[in-house]
């Protein structure tokens, strides 16, 4: 495996277009795991291409005090066990 040590926009574009070979893709993923700059670029490009996956949901879950109490009681039981 050739270890990718520097950022390469051509590889980023190839990765996003799913045009990298297996070894190149694995090397790039390793680089991505260690490079914040490339990770952010891939994240932002993916977010722009698929905005429906990144919607900020403003829906709030309503939990009654009774349900919350039952949840807290079940946590206490599991801590003792």
PDB file of N, CA and C in Angstrom:
ATOM      1  N   UNK A   1       0.832  -1.184   0.000  1.00  0.00           N
ATOM      2  CA  UNK A   1       0.000   0.000   0.000  1.00  0.00           C
ATOM      3  C   UNK A   1       0.871   1.240   0.000  1.00  0.00           C
ATOM      4  N   UNK A   2       0.557   2.154  -0.881  1.00  0.00           N
ATOM      5  CA  UNK A   2       1.281   3.424  -0.867  1.00  0.00           C
ATOM      6  C   UNK A   2       0.545   4.367   0.075  1.00  0.00           C
ATOM      7  N   UNK A   3       1.228   4.845   1.056  1.00  0.00           N
ATOM      8  CA  UNK A   3       0.597   5.667   2.076  1.00  0.00           C
ATOM      9  C   UNK A   3       0.492   7.114   1.595  1.00  0.00           C
ATOM     10  N   UNK A   4      -0.708   7.638   1.478  1.00  0.00           N
ATOM     11  CA  UNK A   4      -0.933   9.016   1.054  1.00  0.00           C
ATOM     12  C   UNK A   4      -0.637   9.920   2.243  1.00  0.00           C
ATOM     13  N   UNK A   5       0.375  10.761   2.109  1.00  0.00           N
ATOM     14  CA  UNK A   5       0.776  11.618   3.224  1.00  0.00           C
ATOM     15  C   UNK A   5       0.398  13.078   3.003  1.00  0.00           C
ATOM     16  N   UNK A   6       0.092  13.435   1.774  1.00  0.00           N
ATOM     17  CA  UNK A   6      -0.249  14.829   1.497  1.00  0.00           C
ATOM     18  C   UNK A   6      -1.663  14.912   0.925  1.00  0.00           C
ATOM     19  N   UNK A   7      -2.248  16.076   1.066  1.00  0.00           N
ATOM     20  CA  UNK A   7      -3.594  16.300   0.542  1.00  0.00           C
ATOM     21  C   UNK A   7      -3.527  16.386  -0.980  1.00  0.00           C
ATOM     22  N   UNK A   8      -4.532  15.821  -1.623  1.00  0.00           N
ATOM     23  CA  UNK A   8      -4.535  15.775  -3.073  1.00  0.00           C
ATOM     24  C   UNK A   8      -5.977  15.958  -3.547  1.00  0.00           C
ATOM     25  N   UNK A   9      -6.257  17.092  -4.151  1.00  0.00           N
ATOM     26  CA  UNK A   9      -7.633  17.397  -4.594  1.00  0.00           C
ATOM     27  C   UNK A   9      -8.117  16.409  -5.642  1.00  0.00           C
ATOM     28  N   UNK A  10      -7.225  15.893  -6.472  1.00  0.00           N
ATOM     29  CA  UNK A  10      -7.616  14.907  -7.475  1.00  0.00           C
ATOM     30  C   UNK A  10      -8.135  13.639  -6.794  1.00  0.00           C
ATOM     31  N   UNK A  11      -7.471  13.238  -5.717  1.00  0.00           N
ATOM     32  CA  UNK A  11      -7.939  12.061  -4.981  1.00  0.00           C
ATOM     33  C   UNK A  11      -9.273  12.330  -4.295  1.00  0.00           C
ATOM     34  N   UNK A  12      -9.440  13.535  -3.771  1.00  0.00           N
ATOM     35  CA  UNK A  12     -10.717  13.881  -3.140  1.00  0.00           C
ATOM     36  C   UNK A  12     -11.837  13.797  -4.167  1.00  0.00           C
ATOM     37  N   UNK A  13     -11.618  14.365  -5.339  1.00  0.00           N
ATOM     38  CA  UNK A  13     -12.625  14.315  -6.403  1.00  0.00           C
ATOM     39  C   UNK A  13     -12.889  12.873  -6.832  1.00  0.00           C
ATOM     40  N   UNK A  14     -11.829  12.079  -6.969  1.00  0.00           N
ATOM     41  CA  UNK A  14     -11.985  10.675  -7.337  1.00  0.00           C
ATOM     42  C   UNK A  14     -12.746   9.893  -6.286  1.00  0.00           C
ATOM     43  N   UNK A  15     -12.465  10.187  -5.031  1.00  0.00           N
ATOM     44  CA  UNK A  15     -13.168   9.525  -3.929  1.00  0.00           C
ATOM     45  C   UNK A  15     -14.652   9.872  -3.955  1.00  0.00           C
ATOM     46  N   UNK A  16     -14.952  11.152  -4.097  1.00  0.00           N
ATOM     47  CA  UNK A  16     -16.347  11.597  -4.111  1.00  0.00           C
ATOM     48  C   UNK A  16     -17.113  11.049  -5.310  1.00  0.00           C
ATOM     49  N   UNK A  17     -16.430  10.852  -6.433  1.00  0.00           N
ATOM     50  CA  UNK A  17     -17.063  10.314  -7.636  1.00  0.00           C
ATOM     51  C   UNK A  17     -17.019   8.789  -7.667  1.00  0.00           C
ATOM     52  N   UNK A  18     -16.448   8.189  -6.627  1.00  0.00           N
ATOM     53  CA  UNK A  18     -16.308   6.725  -6.535  1.00  0.00           C
ATOM     54  C   UNK A  18     -15.495   6.171  -7.708  1.00  0.00           C
ATOM     55  N   UNK A  19     -14.417   6.880  -8.047  1.00  0.00           N
ATOM     56  CA  UNK A  19     -13.572   6.491  -9.172  1.00  0.00           C
ATOM     57  C   UNK A  19     -12.182   6.007  -8.759  1.00  0.00           C
ATOM     58  N   UNK A  20     -11.977   5.687  -7.500  1.00  0.00           N
ATOM     59  CA  UNK A  20     -10.667   5.213  -7.056  1.00  0.00           C
ATOM     60  C   UNK A  20     -10.650   3.693  -7.037  1.00  0.00           C
ATOM     61  N   UNK A  21      -9.481   3.151  -7.331  1.00  0.00           N
ATOM     62  CA  UNK A  21      -9.312   1.714  -7.206  1.00  0.00           C
ATOM     63  C   UNK A  21      -9.315   1.328  -5.734  1.00  0.00           C
ATOM     64  N   UNK A  22      -9.384   0.048  -5.464  1.00  0.00           N
ATOM     65  CA  UNK A  22      -9.495  -0.425  -4.079  1.00  0.00           C
ATOM     66  C   UNK A  22      -8.329   0.037  -3.209  1.00  0.00           C
ATOM     67  N   UNK A  23      -7.101  -0.129  -3.693  1.00  0.00           N
ATOM     68  CA  UNK A  23      -5.931   0.253  -2.907  1.00  0.00           C
ATOM     69  C   UNK A  23      -5.855   1.770  -2.713  1.00  0.00           C
ATOM     70  N   UNK A  24      -6.140   2.505  -3.779  1.00  0.00           N
ATOM     71  CA  UNK A  24      -6.130   3.966  -3.689  1.00  0.00           C
ATOM     72  C   UNK A  24      -7.204   4.457  -2.714  1.00  0.00           C
ATOM     73  N   UNK A  25      -8.374   3.817  -2.759  1.00  0.00           N
ATOM     74  CA  UNK A  25      -9.473   4.188  -1.863  1.00  0.00           C
ATOM     75  C   UNK A  25      -9.100   3.915  -0.404  1.00  0.00           C
ATOM     76  N   UNK A  26      -8.503   2.774  -0.131  1.00  0.00           N
ATOM     77  CA  UNK A  26      -8.087   2.449   1.235  1.00  0.00           C
ATOM     78  C   UNK A  26      -7.023   3.415   1.733  1.00  0.00           C
ATOM     79  N   UNK A  27      -6.064   3.735   0.873  1.00  0.00           N
ATOM     80  CA  UNK A  27      -5.031   4.706   1.242  1.00  0.00           C
ATOM     81  C   UNK A  27      -5.655   6.070   1.537  1.00  0.00           C
ATOM     82  N   UNK A  28      -6.613   6.471   0.697  1.00  0.00           N
ATOM     83  CA  UNK A  28      -7.255   7.767   0.903  1.00  0.00           C
ATOM     84  C   UNK A  28      -8.064   7.763   2.198  1.00  0.00           C
ATOM     85  N   UNK A  29      -8.769   6.683   2.484  1.00  0.00           N
ATOM     86  CA  UNK A  29      -9.538   6.601   3.722  1.00  0.00           C
ATOM     87  C   UNK A  29      -8.631   6.697   4.944  1.00  0.00           C
ATOM     88  N   UNK A  30      -7.458   6.075   4.865  1.00  0.00           N
ATOM     89  CA  UNK A  30      -6.487   6.181   5.958  1.00  0.00           C
ATOM     90  C   UNK A  30      -6.050   7.635   6.114  1.00  0.00           C
ATOM     91  N   UNK A  31      -5.754   8.277   4.994  1.00  0.00           N
ATOM     92  CA  UNK A  31      -5.366   9.690   5.025  1.00  0.00           C
ATOM     93  C   UNK A  31      -6.505  10.539   5.601  1.00  0.00           C
ATOM     94  N   UNK A  32      -7.719  10.264   5.179  1.00  0.00           N
ATOM     95  CA  UNK A  32      -8.889  11.010   5.633  1.00  0.00           C
ATOM     96  C   UNK A  32      -9.069  10.893   7.142  1.00  0.00           C
ATOM     97  N   UNK A  33      -8.745   9.739   7.678  1.00  0.00           N
ATOM     98  CA  UNK A  33      -8.863   9.513   9.114  1.00  0.00           C
ATOM     99  C   UNK A  33      -7.876  10.365   9.906  1.00  0.00           C
ATOM    100  N   UNK A  34      -6.805  10.796   9.260  1.00  0.00           N
ATOM    101  CA  UNK A  34      -5.763  11.551   9.939  1.00  0.00           C
ATOM    102  C   UNK A  34      -5.637  13.001   9.484  1.00  0.00           C
ATOM    103  N   UNK A  35      -6.490  13.436   8.551  1.00  0.00           N
ATOM    104  CA  UNK A  35      -6.372  14.783   7.993  1.00  0.00           C
ATOM    105  C   UNK A  35      -7.704  15.521   8.143  1.00  0.00           C
ATOM    106  N   UNK A  36      -7.739  16.463   9.058  1.00  0.00           N
ATOM    107  CA  UNK A  36      -8.962  17.220   9.327  1.00  0.00           C
ATOM    108  C   UNK A  36      -9.387  18.025   8.101  1.00  0.00           C
ATOM    109  N   UNK A  37      -8.445  18.601   7.398  1.00  0.00           N
ATOM    110  CA  UNK A  37      -8.747  19.427   6.241  1.00  0.00           C
ATOM    111  C   UNK A  37      -9.475  18.633   5.150  1.00  0.00           C
ATOM    112  N   UNK A  38      -8.939  17.476   4.797  1.00  0.00           N
ATOM    113  CA  UNK A  38      -9.574  16.640   3.770  1.00  0.00           C
ATOM    114  C   UNK A  38     -10.910  16.094   4.267  1.00  0.00           C
ATOM    115  N   UNK A  39     -10.961  15.708   5.547  1.00  0.00           N
ATOM    116  CA  UNK A  39     -12.207  15.176   6.105  1.00  0.00           C
ATOM    117  C   UNK A  39     -13.311  16.231   5.994  1.00  0.00           C
ATOM    118  N   UNK A  40     -12.992  17.471   6.342  1.00  0.00           N
ATOM    119  CA  UNK A  40     -13.990  18.542   6.266  1.00  0.00           C
ATOM    120  C   UNK A  40     -14.435  18.780   4.827  1.00  0.00           C
ATOM    121  N   UNK A  41     -13.495  18.702   3.890  1.00  0.00           N
ATOM    122  CA  UNK A  41     -13.850  18.913   2.489  1.00  0.00           C
ATOM    123  C   UNK A  41     -14.781  17.807   1.988  1.00  0.00           C
ATOM    124  N   UNK A  42     -14.473  16.571   2.337  1.00  0.00           N
ATOM    125  CA  UNK A  42     -15.329  15.448   1.940  1.00  0.00           C
ATOM    126  C   UNK A  42     -16.695  15.560   2.624  1.00  0.00           C
ATOM    127  N   UNK A  43     -16.691  15.896   3.905  1.00  0.00           N
ATOM    128  CA  UNK A  43     -17.943  16.052   4.651  1.00  0.00           C
ATOM    129  C   UNK A  43     -18.817  17.136   4.020  1.00  0.00           C
ATOM    130  N   UNK A  44     -18.248  18.288   3.759  1.00  0.00           N
ATOM    131  CA  UNK A  44     -19.009  19.401   3.188  1.00  0.00           C
ATOM    132  C   UNK A  44     -19.525  19.079   1.789  1.00  0.00           C
ATOM    133  N   UNK A  45     -18.719  18.396   0.981  1.00  0.00           N
ATOM    134  CA  UNK A  45     -19.165  18.015  -0.363  1.00  0.00           C
ATOM    135  C   UNK A  45     -20.303  16.996  -0.281  1.00  0.00           C
ATOM    136  N   UNK A  46     -20.199  16.055   0.638  1.00  0.00           N
ATOM    137  CA  UNK A  46     -21.249  15.054   0.808  1.00  0.00           C
ATOM    138  C   UNK A  46     -22.518  15.705   1.328  1.00  0.00           C
ATOM    139  N   UNK A  47     -22.357  16.629   2.255  1.00  0.00           N
ATOM    140  CA  UNK A  47     -23.508  17.340   2.816  1.00  0.00           C
ATOM    141  C   UNK A  47     -24.213  18.153   1.728  1.00  0.00           C
ATOM    142  N   UNK A  48     -23.452  18.782   0.854  1.00  0.00           N
ATOM    143  CA  UNK A  48     -24.039  19.572  -0.228  1.00  0.00           C
ATOM    144  C   UNK A  48     -24.758  18.677  -1.242  1.00  0.00           C
ATOM    145  N   UNK A  49     -24.212  17.488  -1.476  1.00  0.00           N
ATOM    146  CA  UNK A  49     -24.807  16.575  -2.452  1.00  0.00           C
ATOM    147  C   UNK A  49     -26.047  15.870  -1.910  1.00  0.00           C
ATOM    148  N   UNK A  50     -26.131  15.695  -0.599  1.00  0.00           N
ATOM    149  CA  UNK A  50     -27.243  14.962   0.028  1.00  0.00           C
ATOM    150  C   UNK A  50     -27.786  15.739   1.229  1.00  0.00           C
ATOM    151  N   UNK A  51     -28.327  16.926   1.011  1.00  0.00           N
ATOM    152  CA  UNK A  51     -28.746  17.749   2.146  1.00  0.00           C
ATOM    153  C   UNK A  51     -29.863  17.121   2.978  1.00  0.00           C
ATOM    154  N   UNK A  52     -30.649  16.241   2.382  1.00  0.00           N
ATOM    155  CA  UNK A  52     -31.748  15.630   3.134  1.00  0.00           C
ATOM    156  C   UNK A  52     -31.252  14.739   4.264  1.00  0.00           C
ATOM    157  N   UNK A  53     -30.026  14.242   4.187  1.00  0.00           N
ATOM    158  CA  UNK A  53     -29.469  13.428   5.270  1.00  0.00           C
ATOM    159  C   UNK A  53     -28.963  14.288   6.427  1.00  0.00           C
ATOM    160  N   UNK A  54     -28.776  15.552   6.185  1.00  0.00           N
ATOM    161  CA  UNK A  54     -28.163  16.428   7.169  1.00  0.00           C
ATOM    162  C   UNK A  54     -29.122  17.496   7.691  1.00  0.00           C
ATOM    163  N   UNK A  55     -30.413  17.282   7.483  1.00  0.00           N
ATOM    164  CA  UNK A  55     -31.390  18.249   7.966  1.00  0.00           C
ATOM    165  C   UNK A  55     -31.328  18.328   9.478  1.00  0.00           C
ATOM    166  N   UNK A  56     -31.411  19.521   9.970  1.00  0.00           N
ATOM    167  CA  UNK A  56     -31.446  19.733  11.406  1.00  0.00           C
ATOM    168  C   UNK A  56     -32.898  19.647  11.837  1.00  0.00           C
ATOM    169  N   UNK A  57     -33.236  18.590  12.486  1.00  0.00           N
ATOM    170  CA  UNK A  57     -34.611  18.378  12.887  1.00  0.00           C
ATOM    171  C   UNK A  57     -34.923  19.213  14.122  1.00  0.00           C
ATOM    172  N   UNK A  58     -35.986  19.978  14.026  1.00  0.00           N
ATOM    173  CA  UNK A  58     -36.373  20.781  15.175  1.00  0.00           C
ATOM    174  C   UNK A  58     -37.453  20.082  15.995  1.00  0.00           C
ATOM    175  N   UNK A  59     -37.770  18.856  15.596  1.00  0.00           N
ATOM    176  CA  UNK A  59     -38.779  18.122  16.349  1.00  0.00           C
ATOM    177  C   UNK A  59     -38.241  17.757  17.718  1.00  0.00           C
ATOM    178  N   UNK A  60     -39.055  17.959  18.697  1.00  0.00           N
ATOM    179  CA  UNK A  60     -38.668  17.628  20.059  1.00  0.00           C
ATOM    180  C   UNK A  60     -39.566  16.506  20.555  1.00  0.00           C
ATOM    181  N   UNK A  61     -38.984  15.639  21.284  1.00  0.00           N
ATOM    182  CA  UNK A  61     -39.745  14.535  21.850  1.00  0.00           C
ATOM    183  C   UNK A  61     -40.304  14.983  23.188  1.00  0.00           C
ATOM    184  N   UNK A  62     -41.585  14.803  23.344  1.00  0.00           N
ATOM    185  CA  UNK A  62     -42.212  15.166  24.607  1.00  0.00           C
ATOM    186  C   UNK A  62     -42.269  13.923  25.486  1.00  0.00           C
ATOM    187  N   UNK A  63     -41.755  14.055  26.683  1.00  0.00           N
ATOM    188  CA  UNK A  63     -41.741  12.951  27.631  1.00  0.00           C
ATOM    189  C   UNK A  63     -42.461  13.423  28.885  1.00  0.00           C
ATOM    190  N   UNK A  64     -43.421  12.631  29.307  1.00  0.00           N
ATOM    191  CA  UNK A  64     -44.147  13.004  30.516  1.00  0.00           C
ATOM    192  C   UNK A  64     -43.275  12.750  31.744  1.00  0.00           C
ATOM    193  N   UNK A  65     -43.621  13.405  32.826  1.00  0.00           N
ATOM    194  CA  UNK A  65     -42.881  13.197  34.077  1.00  0.00           C
ATOM    195  C   UNK A  65     -42.996  11.747  34.526  1.00  0.00           C
ATOM    196  N   UNK A  66     -44.146  11.144  34.286  1.00  0.00           N
ATOM    197  CA  UNK A  66     -44.340   9.742  34.662  1.00  0.00           C
ATOM    198  C   UNK A  66     -43.385   8.842  33.872  1.00  0.00           C
ATOM    199  N   UNK A  67     -43.324   9.065  32.536  1.00  0.00           N
ATOM    200  CA  UNK A  67     -42.418   8.271  31.706  1.00  0.00           C
ATOM    201  C   UNK A  67     -40.966   8.495  32.112  1.00  0.00           C
ATOM    202  N   UNK A  68     -40.630   9.732  32.421  1.00  0.00           N
ATOM    203  CA  UNK A  68     -39.272  10.048  32.843  1.00  0.00           C
ATOM    204  C   UNK A  68     -38.959   9.347  34.158  1.00  0.00           C
ATOM    205  N   UNK A  69     -39.913   9.331  35.075  1.00  0.00           N
ATOM    206  CA  UNK A  69     -39.727   8.638  36.350  1.00  0.00           C
ATOM    207  C   UNK A  69     -39.536   7.152  36.159  1.00  0.00           C
ATOM    208  N   UNK A  70     -40.312   6.546  35.251  1.00  0.00           N
ATOM    209  CA  UNK A  70     -40.162   5.108  34.966  1.00  0.00           C
ATOM    210  C   UNK A  70     -38.782   4.838  34.380  1.00  0.00           C
ATOM    211  N   UNK A  71     -38.313   5.720  33.513  1.00  0.00           N
ATOM    212  CA  UNK A  71     -36.983   5.561  32.919  1.00  0.00           C
ATOM    213  C   UNK A  71     -35.903   5.648  33.990  1.00  0.00           C
ATOM    214  N   UNK A  72     -36.011   6.622  34.870  1.00  0.00           N
ATOM    215  CA  UNK A  72     -35.020   6.776  35.936  1.00  0.00           C
ATOM    216  C   UNK A  72     -35.042   5.575  36.875  1.00  0.00           C
ATOM    217  N   UNK A  73     -36.248   5.049  37.166  1.00  0.00           N
ATOM    218  CA  UNK A  73     -36.355   3.866  38.018  1.00  0.00           C
ATOM    219  C   UNK A  73     -35.697   2.657  37.360  1.00  0.00           C
ATOM    220  N   UNK A  74     -35.877   2.498  36.057  1.00  0.00           N
ATOM    221  CA  UNK A  74     -35.272   1.350  35.367  1.00  0.00           C
ATOM    222  C   UNK A  74     -33.750   1.484  35.327  1.00  0.00           C
ATOM    223  N   UNK A  75     -33.231   2.719  35.259  1.00  0.00           N
ATOM    224  CA  UNK A  75     -31.782   2.922  35.313  1.00  0.00           C
ATOM    225  C   UNK A  75     -31.231   2.520  36.667  1.00  0.00           C
ATOM    226  N   UNK A  76     -31.933   2.850  37.724  1.00  0.00           N
ATOM    227  CA  UNK A  76     -31.498   2.504  39.072  1.00  0.00           C
ATOM    228  C   UNK A  76     -31.451   0.998  39.271  1.00  0.00           C
ATOM    229  N   UNK A  77     -32.447   0.304  38.721  1.00  0.00           N
ATOM    230  CA  UNK A  77     -32.498  -1.154  38.819  1.00  0.00           C
ATOM    231  C   UNK A  77     -31.330  -1.766  38.088  1.00  0.00           C
ATOM    232  N   UNK A  78     -31.007  -1.258  36.891  1.00  0.00           N
ATOM    233  CA  UNK A  78     -29.916  -1.829  36.099  1.00  0.00           C
ATOM    234  C   UNK A  78     -28.562  -1.524  36.741  1.00  0.00           C
ATOM    235  N   UNK A  79     -28.424  -0.409  37.460  1.00  0.00           N
ATOM    236  CA  UNK A  79     -27.178  -0.085  38.147  1.00  0.00           C
ATOM    237  C   UNK A  79     -26.952  -1.028  39.301  1.00  0.00           C
ATOM    238  N   UNK A  80     -28.003  -1.435  39.997  1.00  0.00           N
ATOM    239  CA  UNK A  80     -27.904  -2.326  41.146  1.00  0.00           C
ATOM    240  C   UNK A  80     -27.574  -3.743  40.682  1.00  0.00           C
ATOM    241  N   UNK A  81     -28.124  -4.152  39.563  1.00  0.00           N
ATOM    242  CA  UNK A  81     -27.950  -5.518  39.073  1.00  0.00           C
ATOM    243  C   UNK A  81     -26.576  -5.813  38.611  1.00  0.00           C
TER     244      UNK A  81
END
